[in-house]
Amino acid sequence: MNGAGNDSGSSFSGDHGMAVGRLLVFFGLLVTGAGLLIWFGVPIGRLPGDILVRRGGFSFDIPITTSVIASVILTVLLALFRR
């Protein structure tokens, strides 16, 4: 009973393995896309509506607009990905 020939114990077999592979490719493309945006100078985290408070040696950042835009983009991409 060593499970030879039985793929039920493998967490990366069949359709599940395909889904994991697609998910890894998706996140890789997402990270690459974010890196390209930063490289080309898109002001991620410094958009109008983002709050930045600086007092002496203290700074506090609340990226509200950036978070909303990222949420909308991720929602659309994940909806397309699920099809």
N, C-alpha and C. Protein backbone atom coordinates (compact mmCIF):
# COMPACT_ATOMS: atom_id res chain seq x y z
N MET A 1 0.82 -1.19 0.00
CA MET A 1 0.00 0.00 0.00
C MET A 1 0.86 1.26 0.00
N ASN A 2 1.71 1.39 -0.98
CA ASN A 2 2.53 2.58 -1.06
C ASN A 2 1.90 3.65 -1.93
N GLY A 3 0.74 3.38 -2.49
CA GLY A 3 0.05 4.38 -3.28
C GLY A 3 0.60 4.50 -4.69
N ALA A 4 1.38 3.54 -5.15
CA ALA A 4 1.95 3.60 -6.49
C ALA A 4 0.83 3.60 -7.51
N GLY A 5 0.91 4.55 -8.44
CA GLY A 5 -0.10 4.64 -9.47
C GLY A 5 -1.37 5.35 -9.03
N ASN A 6 -1.43 5.78 -7.80
CA ASN A 6 -2.61 6.47 -7.30
C ASN A 6 -2.28 7.95 -7.14
N ASP A 7 -2.87 8.78 -7.95
CA ASP A 7 -2.58 10.22 -7.91
C ASP A 7 -3.46 10.97 -6.93
N SER A 8 -4.33 10.28 -6.22
CA SER A 8 -5.25 10.98 -5.32
C SER A 8 -4.52 11.64 -4.16
N GLY A 9 -3.33 11.18 -3.82
CA GLY A 9 -2.59 11.77 -2.72
C GLY A 9 -1.76 12.97 -3.13
N SER A 10 -1.60 13.17 -4.42
CA SER A 10 -0.79 14.29 -4.92
C SER A 10 -1.64 15.55 -4.99
N SER A 11 -1.11 16.62 -4.45
CA SER A 11 -1.87 17.87 -4.47
C SER A 11 -1.73 18.62 -5.78
N PHE A 12 -0.86 18.17 -6.68
CA PHE A 12 -0.65 18.85 -7.95
C PHE A 12 -0.95 17.93 -9.12
N SER A 13 -2.02 17.17 -9.05
CA SER A 13 -2.34 16.24 -10.12
C SER A 13 -3.60 16.67 -10.86
N GLY A 14 -3.69 16.27 -12.11
CA GLY A 14 -4.90 16.49 -12.89
C GLY A 14 -5.25 17.94 -13.06
N ASP A 15 -6.53 18.23 -12.96
CA ASP A 15 -7.03 19.60 -13.15
C ASP A 15 -6.53 20.55 -12.09
N HIS A 16 -6.33 20.04 -10.89
CA HIS A 16 -5.85 20.90 -9.81
C HIS A 16 -4.44 21.42 -10.13
N GLY A 17 -3.60 20.57 -10.67
CA GLY A 17 -2.25 20.99 -11.05
C GLY A 17 -2.27 22.03 -12.14
N MET A 18 -3.21 21.90 -13.07
CA MET A 18 -3.35 22.87 -14.14
C MET A 18 -3.78 24.23 -13.56
N ALA A 19 -4.69 24.21 -12.60
CA ALA A 19 -5.16 25.45 -11.99
C ALA A 19 -4.03 26.14 -11.22
N VAL A 20 -3.23 25.36 -10.52
CA VAL A 20 -2.11 25.93 -9.77
C VAL A 20 -1.11 26.54 -10.75
N GLY A 21 -0.85 25.86 -11.85
CA GLY A 21 0.07 26.38 -12.86
C GLY A 21 -0.42 27.69 -13.45
N ARG A 22 -1.71 27.75 -13.77
CA ARG A 22 -2.28 28.99 -14.31
C ARG A 22 -2.22 30.11 -13.29
N LEU A 23 -2.47 29.79 -12.04
CA LEU A 23 -2.42 30.80 -10.99
C LEU A 23 -1.01 31.36 -10.83
N LEU A 24 -0.01 30.50 -10.88
CA LEU A 24 1.38 30.95 -10.79
C LEU A 24 1.76 31.83 -11.97
N VAL A 25 1.33 31.45 -13.17
CA VAL A 25 1.59 32.27 -14.35
C VAL A 25 0.90 33.62 -14.22
N PHE A 26 -0.34 33.61 -13.75
CA PHE A 26 -1.10 34.86 -13.57
C PHE A 26 -0.39 35.80 -12.60
N PHE A 27 0.02 35.29 -11.46
CA PHE A 27 0.70 36.15 -10.48
C PHE A 27 2.06 36.61 -10.99
N GLY A 28 2.74 35.78 -11.75
CA GLY A 28 4.01 36.19 -12.35
C GLY A 28 3.81 37.34 -13.33
N LEU A 29 2.77 37.24 -14.15
CA LEU A 29 2.46 38.33 -15.10
C LEU A 29 2.03 39.59 -14.35
N LEU A 30 1.30 39.42 -13.27
CA LEU A 30 0.86 40.56 -12.47
C LEU A 30 2.05 41.30 -11.86
N VAL A 31 2.98 40.57 -11.31
CA VAL A 31 4.18 41.19 -10.72
C VAL A 31 5.03 41.85 -11.80
N THR A 32 5.15 41.18 -12.95
CA THR A 32 5.90 41.76 -14.06
C THR A 32 5.24 43.05 -14.54
N GLY A 33 3.93 43.05 -14.67
CA GLY A 33 3.21 44.24 -15.09
C GLY A 33 3.38 45.39 -14.11
N ALA A 34 3.31 45.10 -12.82
CA ALA A 34 3.51 46.15 -11.81
C ALA A 34 4.94 46.69 -11.88
N GLY A 35 5.89 45.80 -12.08
CA GLY A 35 7.29 46.24 -12.21
C GLY A 35 7.50 47.14 -13.42
N LEU A 36 6.86 46.80 -14.53
CA LEU A 36 6.98 47.64 -15.73
C LEU A 36 6.34 49.00 -15.52
N LEU A 37 5.20 49.03 -14.85
CA LEU A 37 4.56 50.32 -14.56
C LEU A 37 5.46 51.21 -13.72
N ILE A 38 6.08 50.63 -12.71
CA ILE A 38 6.98 51.40 -11.85
C ILE A 38 8.21 51.84 -12.65
N TRP A 39 8.72 50.95 -13.49
CA TRP A 39 9.91 51.26 -14.29
C TRP A 39 9.64 52.42 -15.25
N PHE A 40 8.44 52.47 -15.82
CA PHE A 40 8.10 53.55 -16.75
C PHE A 40 7.65 54.82 -16.05
N GLY A 41 7.64 54.83 -14.73
CA GLY A 41 7.40 56.05 -13.98
C GLY A 41 5.96 56.33 -13.60
N VAL A 42 5.07 55.33 -13.68
CA VAL A 42 3.70 55.53 -13.24
C VAL A 42 3.72 55.71 -11.73
N PRO A 43 3.10 56.77 -11.24
CA PRO A 43 3.21 57.08 -9.80
C PRO A 43 2.33 56.21 -8.91
N ILE A 44 2.64 54.93 -8.85
CA ILE A 44 1.87 54.02 -8.00
C ILE A 44 2.10 54.41 -6.54
N GLY A 45 1.02 54.65 -5.81
CA GLY A 45 1.13 55.04 -4.41
C GLY A 45 1.22 56.54 -4.20
N ARG A 46 1.24 57.31 -5.28
CA ARG A 46 1.29 58.77 -5.16
C ARG A 46 0.24 59.41 -6.05
N LEU A 47 -0.92 58.82 -6.10
CA LEU A 47 -2.00 59.33 -6.92
C LEU A 47 -2.82 60.35 -6.13
N PRO A 48 -3.56 61.22 -6.83
CA PRO A 48 -4.47 62.14 -6.13
C PRO A 48 -5.48 61.32 -5.31
N GLY A 49 -5.68 61.67 -4.09
CA GLY A 49 -6.56 60.92 -3.20
C GLY A 49 -5.80 60.06 -2.21
N ASP A 50 -4.53 59.80 -2.48
CA ASP A 50 -3.68 59.09 -1.51
C ASP A 50 -3.25 60.09 -0.44
N ILE A 51 -3.28 59.67 0.79
CA ILE A 51 -2.98 60.57 1.91
C ILE A 51 -1.57 60.30 2.41
N LEU A 52 -0.79 61.37 2.55
CA LEU A 52 0.56 61.27 3.08
C LEU A 52 0.72 62.35 4.15
N VAL A 53 1.08 61.94 5.36
CA VAL A 53 1.29 62.86 6.47
C VAL A 53 2.75 62.77 6.87
N ARG A 54 3.44 63.91 6.86
CA ARG A 54 4.84 63.96 7.30
C ARG A 54 4.97 64.99 8.41
N ARG A 55 5.48 64.54 9.53
CA ARG A 55 5.70 65.42 10.69
C ARG A 55 7.07 65.07 11.27
N GLY A 56 8.04 65.91 11.07
CA GLY A 56 9.37 65.66 11.60
C GLY A 56 9.97 64.39 11.00
N GLY A 57 10.32 63.45 11.85
CA GLY A 57 10.91 62.20 11.40
C GLY A 57 9.87 61.10 11.21
N PHE A 58 8.60 61.47 11.18
CA PHE A 58 7.51 60.51 11.08
C PHE A 58 6.74 60.72 9.78
N SER A 59 6.44 59.66 9.08
CA SER A 59 5.57 59.77 7.90
C SER A 59 4.55 58.64 7.94
N PHE A 60 3.36 58.95 7.48
CA PHE A 60 2.25 58.00 7.47
C PHE A 60 1.56 58.10 6.13
N ASP A 61 1.40 56.97 5.44
CA ASP A 61 0.86 56.94 4.09
C ASP A 61 -0.39 56.07 4.05
N ILE A 62 -1.48 56.60 3.48
CA ILE A 62 -2.71 55.84 3.28
C ILE A 62 -3.04 55.91 1.78
N PRO A 63 -2.70 54.87 1.00
CA PRO A 63 -2.92 54.90 -0.45
C PRO A 63 -4.36 54.51 -0.84
N ILE A 64 -5.32 55.39 -0.55
CA ILE A 64 -6.73 55.08 -0.78
C ILE A 64 -7.01 54.90 -2.28
N THR A 65 -6.65 55.88 -3.09
CA THR A 65 -6.93 55.81 -4.52
C THR A 65 -6.19 54.65 -5.17
N THR A 66 -4.95 54.46 -4.82
CA THR A 66 -4.16 53.35 -5.37
C THR A 66 -4.81 52.02 -5.02
N SER A 67 -5.32 51.88 -3.80
CA SER A 67 -5.97 50.64 -3.38
C SER A 67 -7.26 50.39 -4.15
N VAL A 68 -8.03 51.43 -4.38
CA VAL A 68 -9.29 51.27 -5.13
C VAL A 68 -9.00 50.86 -6.57
N ILE A 69 -8.02 51.52 -7.21
CA ILE A 69 -7.67 51.18 -8.59
C ILE A 69 -7.12 49.75 -8.66
N ALA A 70 -6.26 49.37 -7.74
CA ALA A 70 -5.72 48.02 -7.73
C ALA A 70 -6.83 46.99 -7.53
N SER A 71 -7.81 47.30 -6.69
CA SER A 71 -8.92 46.39 -6.44
C SER A 71 -9.77 46.20 -7.70
N VAL A 72 -10.05 47.28 -8.40
CA VAL A 72 -10.85 47.19 -9.63
C VAL A 72 -10.10 46.38 -10.69
N ILE A 73 -8.82 46.66 -10.87
CA ILE A 73 -8.02 45.93 -11.87
C ILE A 73 -7.95 44.45 -11.53
N LEU A 74 -7.69 44.13 -10.28
CA LEU A 74 -7.62 42.72 -9.87
C LEU A 74 -8.96 42.02 -10.03
N THR A 75 -10.06 42.71 -9.74
CA THR A 75 -11.39 42.12 -9.89
C THR A 75 -11.66 41.78 -11.35
N VAL A 76 -11.33 42.70 -12.25
CA VAL A 76 -11.54 42.45 -13.68
C VAL A 76 -10.66 41.31 -14.16
N LEU A 77 -9.37 41.32 -13.78
CA LEU A 77 -8.46 40.28 -14.22
C LEU A 77 -8.85 38.91 -13.70
N LEU A 78 -9.25 38.84 -12.44
CA LEU A 78 -9.66 37.55 -11.88
C LEU A 78 -10.96 37.06 -12.49
N ALA A 79 -11.87 37.98 -12.83
CA ALA A 79 -13.12 37.59 -13.50
C ALA A 79 -12.80 37.00 -14.88
N LEU A 80 -11.86 37.60 -15.59
CA LEU A 80 -11.44 37.07 -16.89
C LEU A 80 -10.71 35.75 -16.74
N PHE A 81 -9.92 35.63 -15.68
CA PHE A 81 -9.13 34.44 -15.43
C PHE A 81 -10.01 33.23 -15.12
N ARG A 82 -11.13 33.44 -14.47
CA ARG A 82 -12.01 32.35 -14.05
C ARG A 82 -12.77 31.75 -15.23
N ARG A 83 -12.88 32.46 -16.35
CA ARG A 83 -13.63 31.95 -17.52
C ARG A 83 -12.93 30.86 -18.21
